Amino acid sequence: PLFVSQHFLQPFGIEAGTPLSSIRDDVKTKPIVVASMIGPTEGYPYLRDTVLNRDFFTDHNENLTMLEMVDEEDEEFYALIDEMNRVTGESDIPRRTDLDFLRQLADKNGFQIPLPAFFTDTGFALPLSGSVATFEYEGVGNQTEPIESFDFQGPYTATYDELSSENDTFPLEMMLGIGTDLLGLFPSTRNILSKISDAVDFLTGEPLNSSDLESIPLSLPVSTVDGSRDLVFTDGGANDYTGLPALLTKKPDKVIVCFVGSPGIASKSLGLEIASTISFHVFKDFGQYFGLIKHVDPDSTEAAQRLSHLFDLYSNNENQFVKLVKNFESLRDAGEPL
């Protein structure tokens, strides 16, 4: 929040601590800022760095063969999967996501996965729905202090007034800071905090202890079944890169997703053949939306992105994943930007 305020808000005359206000009538666009809930504050950063995703996706991978296969007669789909596996050297075949199965895994593993959340111009939402979710941390790793479990009944929403107190107004930089908090999401980037205390001192005139900076997560009070709990929220990339799941909750007539990558970086990190294979990128970036899932690395910060099942794979009686790949390939062949 401090960085956002100093570099993106104050240059436009928006002072630190400015509360969110209603959108002017002449402004037709409304913001959605995505975030991820990664556990209670007393478990941060330990839970994020060593626990989150691990048991859930280990369990998922061990039970992957229980999930339904895509229709074996769908030759175009399997041709694309063969193409992907050829360039990546993999051999596993995507299965069809079962939301009831995923919920069972979440219940079994104490919901130790990041949960999607988002901010709009009017308030905050944590849209997990269904039966009561029990977040359990008993016997987790080598925590010296126990982390109390809690029950959550969603979906949960709150206005910015409800997130504020008499002495602490929920400010604009907090909303934007949570949604871009890569420092809190990755251990490697979090270490940068130890190197910026001098810069903070220079900008604000208030020296900050670097060790304190490292231990302060961005948290919000969230209502639970038995009261309230301070939960840590960070960059929404732990659950989604595009913002599409949050946008669909607003029921728009049309959504335009702009997903920008770097071909140069992709070529260096993946190899030229993989970087130029459209089916690989469509599956990696959009396959989960059509309910396609395969083996997931439990140690990946982005593992929970694979859980965003939004659309029917066979909507309008055609494989929508295959259709999307074909559309991108047609644009490429026509010399149009992808």
C-alpha atoms as a PDB file:
ATOM      1  CA  PRO A   1       0.000   0.000   0.000  1.00  0.00           C
ATOM      2  CA  LEU A   2       2.816   2.427   0.806  1.00  0.00           C
ATOM      3  CA  PHE A   3       4.451   1.859  -2.579  1.00  0.00           C
ATOM      4  CA  VAL A   4       1.139   2.238  -4.409  1.00  0.00           C
ATOM      5  CA  SER A   5       0.367   5.443  -2.563  1.00  0.00           C
ATOM      6  CA  GLN A   6       3.783   7.003  -3.120  1.00  0.00           C
ATOM      7  CA  HIS A   7       4.144   6.121  -6.792  1.00  0.00           C
ATOM      8  CA  PHE A   8       0.628   5.916  -8.236  1.00  0.00           C
ATOM      9  CA  LEU A   9      -1.763   7.938  -6.099  1.00  0.00           C
ATOM     10  CA  GLN A  10       0.061  10.888  -4.537  1.00  0.00           C
ATOM     11  CA  PRO A  11       1.407  12.112  -7.918  1.00  0.00           C
ATOM     12  CA  PHE A  12      -2.266  12.645  -8.833  1.00  0.00           C
ATOM     13  CA  GLY A  13      -3.076  14.473  -5.617  1.00  0.00           C
ATOM     14  CA  ILE A  14      -4.606  11.459  -3.829  1.00  0.00           C
ATOM     15  CA  GLU A  15      -3.150  11.521  -0.342  1.00  0.00           C
ATOM     16  CA  ALA A  16      -2.371   8.460   1.758  1.00  0.00           C
ATOM     17  CA  GLY A  17      -5.360   7.303   3.782  1.00  0.00           C
ATOM     18  CA  THR A  18      -7.936   8.551   1.293  1.00  0.00           C
ATOM     19  CA  PRO A  19     -11.083   6.429   1.702  1.00  0.00           C
ATOM     20  CA  LEU A  20     -12.848   4.930  -1.264  1.00  0.00           C
ATOM     21  CA  SER A  21     -15.786   6.962  -2.493  1.00  0.00           C
ATOM     22  CA  SER A  22     -18.595   6.348  -4.966  1.00  0.00           C
ATOM     23  CA  ILE A  23     -17.864   6.426  -8.685  1.00  0.00           C
ATOM     24  CA  ARG A  24     -18.842   9.689 -10.369  1.00  0.00           C
ATOM     25  CA  ASP A  25     -21.885   9.537 -12.647  1.00  0.00           C
ATOM     26  CA  ASP A  26     -19.799  10.496 -15.678  1.00  0.00           C
ATOM     27  CA  VAL A  27     -17.412   7.561 -15.181  1.00  0.00           C
ATOM     28  CA  LYS A  28     -18.724   4.476 -16.973  1.00  0.00           C
ATOM     29  CA  THR A  29     -16.006   1.996 -15.945  1.00  0.00           C
ATOM     30  CA  LYS A  30     -15.883   0.302 -12.565  1.00  0.00           C
ATOM     31  CA  PRO A  31     -12.807  -1.417 -11.094  1.00  0.00           C
ATOM     32  CA  ILE A  32     -12.451  -5.013  -9.996  1.00  0.00           C
ATOM     33  CA  VAL A  33      -9.265  -5.820  -8.088  1.00  0.00           C
ATOM     34  CA  VAL A  34      -8.650  -9.533  -7.515  1.00  0.00           C
ATOM     35  CA  ALA A  35      -6.960 -10.921  -4.416  1.00  0.00           C
ATOM     36  CA  SER A  36      -6.283 -14.253  -2.707  1.00  0.00           C
ATOM     37  CA  MET A  37      -6.925 -15.252   0.892  1.00  0.00           C
ATOM     38  CA  ILE A  38      -3.964 -17.296   2.129  1.00  0.00           C
ATOM     39  CA  GLY A  39      -4.775 -18.013   5.774  1.00  0.00           C
ATOM     40  CA  PRO A  40      -4.968 -16.429   9.246  1.00  0.00           C
ATOM     41  CA  THR A  41      -2.452 -13.768  10.205  1.00  0.00           C
ATOM     42  CA  GLU A  42      -0.895 -15.850  12.998  1.00  0.00           C
ATOM     43  CA  GLY A  43       0.211 -18.426  10.444  1.00  0.00           C
ATOM     44  CA  TYR A  44       1.875 -15.970   8.068  1.00  0.00           C
ATOM     45  CA  PRO A  45       4.244 -16.432   6.311  1.00  0.00           C
ATOM     46  CA  TYR A  46       4.778 -20.010   7.498  1.00  0.00           C
ATOM     47  CA  LEU A  47       1.517 -21.362   6.073  1.00  0.00           C
ATOM     48  CA  ARG A  48       2.056 -19.649   2.756  1.00  0.00           C
ATOM     49  CA  ASP A  49       5.623 -20.838   2.327  1.00  0.00           C
ATOM     50  CA  THR A  50       5.416 -24.436   3.546  1.00  0.00           C
ATOM     51  CA  VAL A  51       1.788 -25.603   3.816  1.00  0.00           C
ATOM     52  CA  LEU A  52      -0.594 -23.963   1.363  1.00  0.00           C
ATOM     53  CA  ASN A  53      -1.530 -26.202  -1.597  1.00  0.00           C
ATOM     54  CA  ARG A  54       0.818 -29.051  -0.616  1.00  0.00           C
ATOM     55  CA  ASP A  55      -1.507 -31.666   0.908  1.00  0.00           C
ATOM     56  CA  PHE A  56      -4.481 -30.707  -1.244  1.00  0.00           C
ATOM     57  CA  PHE A  57      -2.713 -31.137  -4.567  1.00  0.00           C
ATOM     58  CA  THR A  58      -0.717 -34.166  -3.448  1.00  0.00           C
ATOM     59  CA  ASP A  59      -4.065 -35.769  -2.649  1.00  0.00           C
ATOM     60  CA  HIS A  60      -5.481 -34.500  -5.946  1.00  0.00           C
ATOM     61  CA  ASN A  61      -2.645 -36.000  -7.981  1.00  0.00           C
ATOM     62  CA  GLU A  62      -2.964 -39.369  -6.251  1.00  0.00           C
ATOM     63  CA  ASN A  63      -6.682 -39.499  -7.093  1.00  0.00           C
ATOM     64  CA  LEU A  64      -6.508 -37.985 -10.578  1.00  0.00           C
ATOM     65  CA  THR A  65      -7.482 -41.234 -12.302  1.00  0.00           C
ATOM     66  CA  MET A  66     -10.845 -41.099 -10.526  1.00  0.00           C
ATOM     67  CA  LEU A  67     -11.853 -38.138 -12.682  1.00  0.00           C
ATOM     68  CA  GLU A  68     -13.721 -38.540 -15.939  1.00  0.00           C
ATOM     69  CA  MET A  69     -11.796 -38.600 -19.198  1.00  0.00           C
ATOM     70  CA  VAL A  70     -12.766 -36.411 -22.143  1.00  0.00           C
ATOM     71  CA  ASP A  71     -14.791 -38.408 -24.688  1.00  0.00           C
ATOM     72  CA  GLU A  72     -12.350 -40.795 -26.395  1.00  0.00           C
ATOM     73  CA  GLU A  73     -14.083 -40.133 -29.733  1.00  0.00           C
ATOM     74  CA  ASP A  74     -13.110 -36.451 -29.587  1.00  0.00           C
ATOM     75  CA  GLU A  75     -10.214 -36.885 -32.000  1.00  0.00           C
ATOM     76  CA  GLU A  76      -9.462 -33.171 -32.406  1.00  0.00           C
ATOM     77  CA  PHE A  77      -9.050 -32.744 -28.657  1.00  0.00           C
ATOM     78  CA  TYR A  78      -6.674 -35.670 -28.287  1.00  0.00           C
ATOM     79  CA  ALA A  79      -4.689 -34.517 -31.321  1.00  0.00           C
ATOM     80  CA  LEU A  80      -4.068 -31.214 -29.529  1.00  0.00           C
ATOM     81  CA  ILE A  81      -3.090 -33.026 -26.315  1.00  0.00           C
ATOM     82  CA  ASP A  82      -0.657 -35.190 -28.301  1.00  0.00           C
ATOM     83  CA  GLU A  83       0.811 -32.017 -29.802  1.00  0.00           C
ATOM     84  CA  MET A  84       1.239 -30.478 -26.332  1.00  0.00           C
ATOM     85  CA  ASN A  85       2.844 -33.601 -24.900  1.00  0.00           C
ATOM     86  CA  ARG A  86       5.185 -33.926 -27.854  1.00  0.00           C
ATOM     87  CA  VAL A  87       6.693 -30.474 -27.367  1.00  0.00           C
ATOM     88  CA  THR A  88       6.761 -30.618 -23.551  1.00  0.00           C
ATOM     89  CA  GLY A  89       7.870 -34.233 -23.168  1.00  0.00           C
ATOM     90  CA  GLU A  90       4.947 -34.980 -20.865  1.00  0.00           C
ATOM     91  CA  SER A  91       2.592 -37.933 -21.153  1.00  0.00           C
ATOM     92  CA  ASP A  92      -0.356 -37.318 -18.833  1.00  0.00           C
ATOM     93  CA  ILE A  93      -3.799 -36.681 -20.291  1.00  0.00           C
ATOM     94  CA  PRO A  94      -6.060 -33.942 -18.880  1.00  0.00           C
ATOM     95  CA  ARG A  95      -9.148 -35.083 -17.018  1.00  0.00           C
ATOM     96  CA  ARG A  96     -12.454 -33.315 -16.506  1.00  0.00           C
ATOM     97  CA  THR A  97     -12.721 -31.302 -13.292  1.00  0.00           C
ATOM     98  CA  ASP A  98     -15.292 -32.513 -10.766  1.00  0.00           C
ATOM     99  CA  LEU A  99     -16.257 -29.627  -8.459  1.00  0.00           C
ATOM    100  CA  ASP A 100     -17.815 -31.966  -5.875  1.00  0.00           C
ATOM    101  CA  PHE A 101     -14.571 -33.962  -5.807  1.00  0.00           C
ATOM    102  CA  LEU A 102     -12.507 -30.785  -5.330  1.00  0.00           C
ATOM    103  CA  ARG A 103     -14.756 -29.666  -2.481  1.00  0.00           C
ATOM    104  CA  GLN A 104     -14.293 -33.052  -0.807  1.00  0.00           C
ATOM    105  CA  LEU A 105     -10.520 -32.667  -1.076  1.00  0.00           C
ATOM    106  CA  ALA A 106     -10.723 -29.163   0.381  1.00  0.00           C
ATOM    107  CA  ASP A 107     -12.798 -30.397   3.318  1.00  0.00           C
ATOM    108  CA  LYS A 108     -10.435 -33.327   3.881  1.00  0.00           C
ATOM    109  CA  ASN A 109      -7.353 -31.088   3.863  1.00  0.00           C
ATOM    110  CA  GLY A 110      -8.693 -28.297   6.060  1.00  0.00           C
ATOM    111  CA  PHE A 111      -9.058 -25.789   3.194  1.00  0.00           C
ATOM    112  CA  GLN A 112      -5.310 -25.232   3.101  1.00  0.00           C
ATOM    113  CA  ILE A 113      -5.528 -23.618  -0.336  1.00  0.00           C
ATOM    114  CA  PRO A 114      -5.735 -19.957  -1.365  1.00  0.00           C
ATOM    115  CA  LEU A 115      -9.266 -18.690  -1.931  1.00  0.00           C
ATOM    116  CA  PRO A 116     -10.235 -16.085  -4.549  1.00  0.00           C
ATOM    117  CA  ALA A 117     -11.529 -12.713  -3.392  1.00  0.00           C
ATOM    118  CA  PHE A 118     -12.098  -9.371  -5.074  1.00  0.00           C
ATOM    119  CA  PHE A 119     -12.727  -5.679  -4.465  1.00  0.00           C
ATOM    120  CA  THR A 120     -15.128  -3.490  -6.444  1.00  0.00           C
ATOM    121  CA  ASP A 121     -16.050   0.179  -6.233  1.00  0.00           C
ATOM    122  CA  THR A 122     -18.647  -0.651  -3.554  1.00  0.00           C
ATOM    123  CA  GLY A 123     -17.054  -3.316  -1.402  1.00  0.00           C
ATOM    124  CA  PHE A 124     -15.207  -6.562  -0.852  1.00  0.00           C
ATOM    125  CA  ALA A 125     -16.244 -10.172  -1.586  1.00  0.00           C
ATOM    126  CA  LEU A 126     -14.979 -13.620  -0.614  1.00  0.00           C
ATOM    127  CA  PRO A 127     -17.311 -15.696  -2.808  1.00  0.00           C
ATOM    128  CA  LEU A 128     -16.720 -19.223  -1.455  1.00  0.00           C
ATOM    129  CA  SER A 129     -20.199 -20.762  -1.265  1.00  0.00           C
ATOM    130  CA  GLY A 130     -21.740 -24.061  -0.247  1.00  0.00           C
ATOM    131  CA  SER A 131     -21.700 -25.720   3.153  1.00  0.00           C
ATOM    132  CA  VAL A 132     -19.663 -24.474   6.112  1.00  0.00           C
ATOM    133  CA  ALA A 133     -15.928 -24.649   5.377  1.00  0.00           C
ATOM    134  CA  THR A 134     -13.691 -25.638   8.285  1.00  0.00           C
ATOM    135  CA  PHE A 135     -10.158 -24.238   8.093  1.00  0.00           C
ATOM    136  CA  GLU A 136      -7.961 -26.551  10.146  1.00  0.00           C
ATOM    137  CA  TYR A 137      -4.262 -26.260  10.992  1.00  0.00           C
ATOM    138  CA  GLU A 138      -3.808 -28.819  13.771  1.00  0.00           C
ATOM    139  CA  GLY A 139      -0.503 -30.641  13.486  1.00  0.00           C
ATOM    140  CA  VAL A 140       0.628 -28.440  10.600  1.00  0.00           C
ATOM    141  CA  GLY A 141       4.399 -28.655  10.142  1.00  0.00           C
ATOM    142  CA  ASN A 142       6.586 -27.474  12.979  1.00  0.00           C
ATOM    143  CA  GLN A 143       4.597 -24.440  14.137  1.00  0.00           C
ATOM    144  CA  THR A 144       5.541 -23.829  17.770  1.00  0.00           C
ATOM    145  CA  GLU A 145       2.286 -21.975  18.486  1.00  0.00           C
ATOM    146  CA  PRO A 146      -0.987 -23.697  17.544  1.00  0.00           C
ATOM    147  CA  ILE A 147      -3.130 -22.047  14.871  1.00  0.00           C
ATOM    148  CA  GLU A 148      -6.774 -22.178  15.868  1.00  0.00           C
ATOM    149  CA  SER A 149      -9.205 -23.621  13.343  1.00  0.00           C
ATOM    150  CA  PHE A 150     -12.280 -21.652  12.297  1.00  0.00           C
ATOM    151  CA  ASP A 151     -15.533 -22.204  10.434  1.00  0.00           C
ATOM    152  CA  PHE A 152     -16.506 -19.981   7.527  1.00  0.00           C
ATOM    153  CA  GLN A 153     -19.897 -19.730   5.842  1.00  0.00           C
ATOM    154  CA  GLY A 154     -19.761 -17.913   2.545  1.00  0.00           C
ATOM    155  CA  PRO A 155     -20.223 -16.079   0.387  1.00  0.00           C
ATOM    156  CA  TYR A 156     -18.980 -13.126   2.435  1.00  0.00           C
ATOM    157  CA  THR A 157     -19.310  -9.481   1.443  1.00  0.00           C
ATOM    158  CA  ALA A 158     -18.462  -6.243   3.234  1.00  0.00           C
ATOM    159  CA  THR A 159     -18.681  -2.558   2.436  1.00  0.00           C
ATOM    160  CA  TYR A 160     -15.618  -0.394   2.953  1.00  0.00           C
ATOM    161  CA  ASP A 161     -17.320   1.222   5.931  1.00  0.00           C
ATOM    162  CA  GLU A 162     -17.635  -2.246   7.472  1.00  0.00           C
ATOM    163  CA  LEU A 163     -13.914  -2.839   6.871  1.00  0.00           C
ATOM    164  CA  SER A 164     -13.110   0.429   8.626  1.00  0.00           C
ATOM    165  CA  SER A 165     -13.054   1.361  12.282  1.00  0.00           C
ATOM    166  CA  GLU A 166     -13.330   4.667  14.136  1.00  0.00           C
ATOM    167  CA  ASN A 167      -9.563   5.108  14.052  1.00  0.00           C
ATOM    168  CA  ASP A 168      -8.668   3.225  10.878  1.00  0.00           C
ATOM    169  CA  THR A 169     -10.433   3.978   7.588  1.00  0.00           C
ATOM    170  CA  PHE A 170     -10.035   1.423   4.796  1.00  0.00           C
ATOM    171  CA  PRO A 171      -8.036   3.440   2.214  1.00  0.00           C
ATOM    172  CA  LEU A 172      -7.732   3.244  -1.549  1.00  0.00           C
ATOM    173  CA  GLU A 173      -4.054   2.246  -1.388  1.00  0.00           C
ATOM    174  CA  MET A 174      -4.971  -0.790   0.735  1.00  0.00           C
ATOM    175  CA  MET A 175      -7.324  -2.132  -1.938  1.00  0.00           C
ATOM    176  CA  LEU A 176      -4.769  -1.603  -4.701  1.00  0.00           C
ATOM    177  CA  GLY A 177      -1.881  -2.768  -2.521  1.00  0.00           C
ATOM    178  CA  ILE A 178      -3.484  -6.101  -1.666  1.00  0.00           C
ATOM    179  CA  GLY A 179      -4.277  -6.815  -5.309  1.00  0.00           C
ATOM    180  CA  THR A 180      -0.648  -6.265  -6.338  1.00  0.00           C
ATOM    181  CA  ASP A 181       1.114  -7.711  -3.291  1.00  0.00           C
ATOM    182  CA  LEU A 182       3.742  -9.915  -4.925  1.00  0.00           C
ATOM    183  CA  LEU A 183       6.035  -9.216  -1.969  1.00  0.00           C
ATOM    184  CA  GLY A 184       3.667 -11.085   0.307  1.00  0.00           C
ATOM    185  CA  LEU A 185       2.996 -13.925  -2.102  1.00  0.00           C
ATOM    186  CA  PHE A 186       6.524 -15.111  -2.935  1.00  0.00           C
ATOM    187  CA  PRO A 187       9.271 -15.786  -0.362  1.00  0.00           C
ATOM    188  CA  SER A 188      11.905 -14.621  -2.830  1.00  0.00           C
ATOM    189  CA  THR A 189      10.241 -11.252  -3.403  1.00  0.00           C
ATOM    190  CA  ARG A 190       9.319 -10.878   0.256  1.00  0.00           C
ATOM    191  CA  ASN A 191      13.025 -10.768   1.031  1.00  0.00           C
ATOM    192  CA  ILE A 192      13.167  -7.517  -0.933  1.00  0.00           C
ATOM    193  CA  LEU A 193      11.400  -5.888   2.022  1.00  0.00           C
ATOM    194  CA  SER A 194      14.588  -6.113   4.045  1.00  0.00           C
ATOM    195  CA  LYS A 195      16.288  -3.895   1.460  1.00  0.00           C
ATOM    196  CA  ILE A 196      13.735  -1.099   1.159  1.00  0.00           C
ATOM    197  CA  SER A 197      13.630   0.315   4.673  1.00  0.00           C
ATOM    198  CA  ASP A 198      16.115   3.028   3.669  1.00  0.00           C
ATOM    199  CA  ALA A 199      13.867   4.000   0.752  1.00  0.00           C
ATOM    200  CA  VAL A 200      10.844   4.162   3.056  1.00  0.00           C
ATOM    201  CA  ASP A 201      12.811   6.345   5.436  1.00  0.00           C
ATOM    202  CA  PHE A 202      13.728   8.651   2.563  1.00  0.00           C
ATOM    203  CA  LEU A 203      10.154   8.901   1.255  1.00  0.00           C
ATOM    204  CA  THR A 204       8.291   9.269   4.538  1.00  0.00           C
ATOM    205  CA  GLY A 205      10.866  10.471   7.055  1.00  0.00           C
ATOM    206  CA  GLU A 206       9.756   7.636   9.335  1.00  0.00           C
ATOM    207  CA  PRO A 207      12.381   4.915   9.722  1.00  0.00           C
ATOM    208  CA  LEU A 208      10.955   1.403   9.638  1.00  0.00           C
ATOM    209  CA  ASN A 209      12.599  -1.707  10.990  1.00  0.00           C
ATOM    210  CA  SER A 210      13.160  -4.116   8.108  1.00  0.00           C
ATOM    211  CA  SER A 211      12.366  -7.159  10.259  1.00  0.00           C
ATOM    212  CA  ASP A 212       9.013  -5.581  11.160  1.00  0.00           C
ATOM    213  CA  LEU A 213       8.328  -4.960   7.493  1.00  0.00           C
ATOM    214  CA  GLU A 214       8.928  -8.627   6.717  1.00  0.00           C
ATOM    215  CA  SER A 215       6.452  -9.799   9.337  1.00  0.00           C
ATOM    216  CA  ILE A 216       3.521  -7.501   8.585  1.00  0.00           C
ATOM    217  CA  PRO A 217       0.967  -9.184   6.277  1.00  0.00           C
ATOM    218  CA  LEU A 218      -1.908  -7.343   4.630  1.00  0.00           C
ATOM    219  CA  SER A 219      -4.980  -8.552   6.460  1.00  0.00           C
ATOM    220  CA  LEU A 220      -8.705  -7.906   6.742  1.00  0.00           C
ATOM    221  CA  PRO A 221     -11.217  -8.843   9.438  1.00  0.00           C
ATOM    222  CA  VAL A 222     -13.612 -11.434   8.024  1.00  0.00           C
ATOM    223  CA  SER A 223     -16.777 -12.686   9.716  1.00  0.00           C
ATOM    224  CA  THR A 224     -16.687 -16.379  10.671  1.00  0.00           C
ATOM    225  CA  VAL A 225     -19.377 -18.651  12.085  1.00  0.00           C
ATOM    226  CA  ASP A 226     -18.286 -17.857  15.645  1.00  0.00           C
ATOM    227  CA  GLY A 227     -17.113 -14.269  15.309  1.00  0.00           C
ATOM    228  CA  SER A 228     -14.347 -12.658  13.253  1.00  0.00           C
ATOM    229  CA  ARG A 229     -10.849 -13.576  12.122  1.00  0.00           C
ATOM    230  CA  ASP A 230      -7.991 -11.521  10.696  1.00  0.00           C
ATOM    231  CA  LEU A 231      -7.112 -13.195   7.398  1.00  0.00           C
ATOM    232  CA  VAL A 232      -4.180 -12.461   5.106  1.00  0.00           C
ATOM    233  CA  PHE A 233      -4.889 -11.330   1.541  1.00  0.00           C
ATOM    234  CA  THR A 234      -2.373 -10.962  -1.239  1.00  0.00           C
ATOM    235  CA  ASP A 235      -1.993 -10.783  -5.034  1.00  0.00           C
ATOM    236  CA  GLY A 236      -4.865 -12.487  -6.856  1.00  0.00           C
ATOM    237  CA  GLY A 237      -2.430 -14.399  -9.065  1.00  0.00           C
ATOM    238  CA  ALA A 238      -2.457 -17.235  -6.527  1.00  0.00           C
ATOM    239  CA  ASN A 239      -5.925 -18.056  -7.887  1.00  0.00           C
ATOM    240  CA  ASP A 240      -6.225 -16.405 -11.278  1.00  0.00           C
ATOM    241  CA  TYR A 241      -4.289 -14.243 -13.757  1.00  0.00           C
ATOM    242  CA  THR A 242      -7.114 -12.859 -15.899  1.00  0.00           C
ATOM    243  CA  GLY A 243      -9.806 -11.553 -13.549  1.00  0.00           C
ATOM    244  CA  LEU A 244     -12.399 -13.563 -15.462  1.00  0.00           C
ATOM    245  CA  PRO A 245     -13.946 -15.422 -12.477  1.00  0.00           C
ATOM    246  CA  ALA A 246     -14.499 -12.146 -10.611  1.00  0.00           C
ATOM    247  CA  LEU A 247     -15.874 -10.389 -13.688  1.00  0.00           C
ATOM    248  CA  LEU A 248     -18.434 -13.122 -14.302  1.00  0.00           C
ATOM    249  CA  THR A 249     -19.954 -12.554 -10.857  1.00  0.00           C
ATOM    250  CA  LYS A 250     -21.076  -9.148 -12.176  1.00  0.00           C
ATOM    251  CA  LYS A 251     -22.941 -10.867 -15.066  1.00  0.00           C
ATOM    252  CA  PRO A 252     -21.653  -8.657 -17.916  1.00  0.00           C
ATOM    253  CA  ASP A 253     -22.908  -9.132 -21.466  1.00  0.00           C
ATOM    254  CA  LYS A 254     -19.365  -9.429 -22.809  1.00  0.00           C
ATOM    255  CA  VAL A 255     -15.900  -9.855 -21.310  1.00  0.00           C
ATOM    256  CA  ILE A 256     -12.680  -8.988 -23.142  1.00  0.00           C
ATOM    257  CA  VAL A 257      -9.647 -10.697 -21.631  1.00  0.00           C
ATOM    258  CA  CYS A 258      -6.268  -9.132 -22.398  1.00  0.00           C
ATOM    259  CA  PHE A 259      -3.565 -11.625 -21.530  1.00  0.00           C
ATOM    260  CA  VAL A 260      -0.124 -10.268 -22.360  1.00  0.00           C
ATOM    261  CA  GLY A 261       2.958 -12.443 -22.368  1.00  0.00           C
ATOM    262  CA  SER A 262       6.500 -12.060 -23.603  1.00  0.00           C
ATOM    263  CA  PRO A 263       7.429 -14.351 -26.514  1.00  0.00           C
ATOM    264  CA  GLY A 264      11.090 -13.627 -25.901  1.00  0.00           C
ATOM    265  CA  ILE A 265      10.981 -14.697 -22.259  1.00  0.00           C
ATOM    266  CA  ALA A 266       8.797 -17.698 -23.126  1.00  0.00           C
ATOM    267  CA  SER A 267      11.257 -18.807 -25.796  1.00  0.00           C
ATOM    268  CA  LYS A 268      14.182 -18.623 -23.380  1.00  0.00           C
ATOM    269  CA  SER A 269      12.423 -20.343 -20.460  1.00  0.00           C
ATOM    270  CA  LEU A 270      10.374 -22.918 -22.368  1.00  0.00           C
ATOM    271  CA  GLY A 271      12.179 -23.349 -25.666  1.00  0.00           C
ATOM    272  CA  LEU A 272      11.145 -21.988 -29.060  1.00  0.00           C
ATOM    273  CA  GLU A 273       8.974 -24.966 -30.061  1.00  0.00           C
ATOM    274  CA  ILE A 274       6.924 -24.883 -26.845  1.00  0.00           C
ATOM    275  CA  ALA A 275       6.666 -21.089 -26.915  1.00  0.00           C
ATOM    276  CA  SER A 276       5.213 -21.199 -30.428  1.00  0.00           C
ATOM    277  CA  THR A 277       2.714 -24.019 -29.749  1.00  0.00           C
ATOM    278  CA  ILE A 278      -0.689 -22.384 -29.318  1.00  0.00           C
ATOM    279  CA  SER A 279      -2.405 -25.454 -27.854  1.00  0.00           C
ATOM    280  CA  PHE A 280       0.114 -25.463 -24.991  1.00  0.00           C
ATOM    281  CA  HIS A 281      -0.555 -21.839 -24.092  1.00  0.00           C
ATOM    282  CA  VAL A 282      -4.337 -22.106 -24.392  1.00  0.00           C
ATOM    283  CA  PHE A 283      -4.352 -25.110 -22.065  1.00  0.00           C
ATOM    284  CA  LYS A 284      -1.927 -23.479 -19.603  1.00  0.00           C
ATOM    285  CA  ASP A 285      -3.799 -20.172 -19.456  1.00  0.00           C
ATOM    286  CA  PHE A 286      -7.419 -21.100 -20.139  1.00  0.00           C
ATOM    287  CA  GLY A 287      -7.815 -24.882 -19.863  1.00  0.00           C
ATOM    288  CA  GLN A 288      -9.011 -24.729 -16.256  1.00  0.00           C
ATOM    289  CA  TYR A 289     -11.943 -22.499 -17.264  1.00  0.00           C
ATOM    290  CA  PHE A 290     -13.281 -25.368 -19.381  1.00  0.00           C
ATOM    291  CA  GLY A 291     -12.849 -27.867 -16.553  1.00  0.00           C
ATOM    292  CA  LEU A 292      -9.631 -29.466 -17.799  1.00  0.00           C
ATOM    293  CA  ILE A 293      -7.076 -30.496 -15.209  1.00  0.00           C
ATOM    294  CA  LYS A 294      -4.075 -32.791 -14.936  1.00  0.00           C
ATOM    295  CA  HIS A 295      -1.138 -33.316 -12.578  1.00  0.00           C
ATOM    296  CA  VAL A 296      -0.464 -30.121 -10.594  1.00  0.00           C
ATOM    297  CA  ASP A 297       2.813 -29.249  -8.871  1.00  0.00           C
ATOM    298  CA  PRO A 298       1.900 -28.983  -5.143  1.00  0.00           C
ATOM    299  CA  ASP A 299       4.822 -26.604  -4.565  1.00  0.00           C
ATOM    300  CA  SER A 300       3.685 -24.134  -7.218  1.00  0.00           C
ATOM    301  CA  THR A 301       2.448 -20.770  -5.979  1.00  0.00           C
ATOM    302  CA  GLU A 302       0.009 -20.827  -8.907  1.00  0.00           C
ATOM    303  CA  ALA A 303      -1.401 -24.326  -8.253  1.00  0.00           C
ATOM    304  CA  ALA A 304      -4.861 -23.130  -7.232  1.00  0.00           C
ATOM    305  CA  GLN A 305      -5.326 -21.437 -10.609  1.00  0.00           C
ATOM    306  CA  ARG A 306      -6.200 -24.899 -11.936  1.00  0.00           C
ATOM    307  CA  LEU A 307      -9.419 -24.908  -9.872  1.00  0.00           C
ATOM    308  CA  SER A 308     -11.275 -22.130 -11.740  1.00  0.00           C
ATOM    309  CA  HIS A 309     -13.857 -24.182 -13.626  1.00  0.00           C
ATOM    310  CA  LEU A 310     -16.265 -21.702 -15.257  1.00  0.00           C
ATOM    311  CA  PHE A 311     -17.628 -23.084 -18.544  1.00  0.00           C
ATOM    312  CA  ASP A 312     -19.105 -26.269 -19.963  1.00  0.00           C
ATOM    313  CA  LEU A 313     -16.457 -27.906 -22.148  1.00  0.00           C
ATOM    314  CA  TYR A 314     -19.093 -29.015 -24.647  1.00  0.00           C
ATOM    315  CA  SER A 315     -21.263 -25.906 -24.707  1.00  0.00           C
ATOM    316  CA  ASN A 316     -23.257 -25.680 -27.976  1.00  0.00           C
ATOM    317  CA  ASN A 317     -22.282 -29.303 -28.656  1.00  0.00           C
ATOM    318  CA  GLU A 318     -18.683 -28.477 -29.579  1.00  0.00           C
ATOM    319  CA  ASN A 319     -15.451 -28.690 -27.636  1.00  0.00           C
ATOM    320  CA  GLN A 320     -14.828 -25.081 -26.581  1.00  0.00           C
ATOM    321  CA  PHE A 321     -11.142 -25.688 -25.806  1.00  0.00           C
ATOM    322  CA  VAL A 322     -10.580 -26.991 -29.346  1.00  0.00           C
ATOM    323  CA  LYS A 323     -12.568 -24.070 -30.742  1.00  0.00           C
ATOM    324  CA  LEU A 324     -10.436 -21.529 -28.865  1.00  0.00           C
ATOM    325  CA  VAL A 325      -7.193 -23.113 -30.089  1.00  0.00           C
ATOM    326  CA  LYS A 326      -8.486 -23.035 -33.665  1.00  0.00           C
ATOM    327  CA  ASN A 327      -9.466 -19.370 -33.348  1.00  0.00           C
ATOM    328  CA  PHE A 328      -5.987 -18.435 -32.148  1.00  0.00           C
ATOM    329  CA  GLU A 329      -4.363 -20.509 -34.881  1.00  0.00           C
ATOM    330  CA  SER A 330      -6.530 -18.784 -37.497  1.00  0.00           C
ATOM    331  CA  LEU A 331      -5.442 -15.390 -36.207  1.00  0.00           C
ATOM    332  CA  ARG A 332      -1.804 -16.459 -36.340  1.00  0.00           C
ATOM    333  CA  ASP A 333      -2.139 -17.814 -39.885  1.00  0.00           C
ATOM    334  CA  ALA A 334      -3.841 -14.599 -40.989  1.00  0.00           C
ATOM    335  CA  GLY A 335      -1.004 -12.505 -39.592  1.00  0.00           C
ATOM    336  CA  GLU A 336      -3.217 -10.915 -36.954  1.00  0.00           C
ATOM    337  CA  PRO A 337      -2.082 -10.258 -33.371  1.00  0.00           C
ATOM    338  CA  LEU A 338      -2.924 -13.049 -30.938  1.00  0.00           C
END
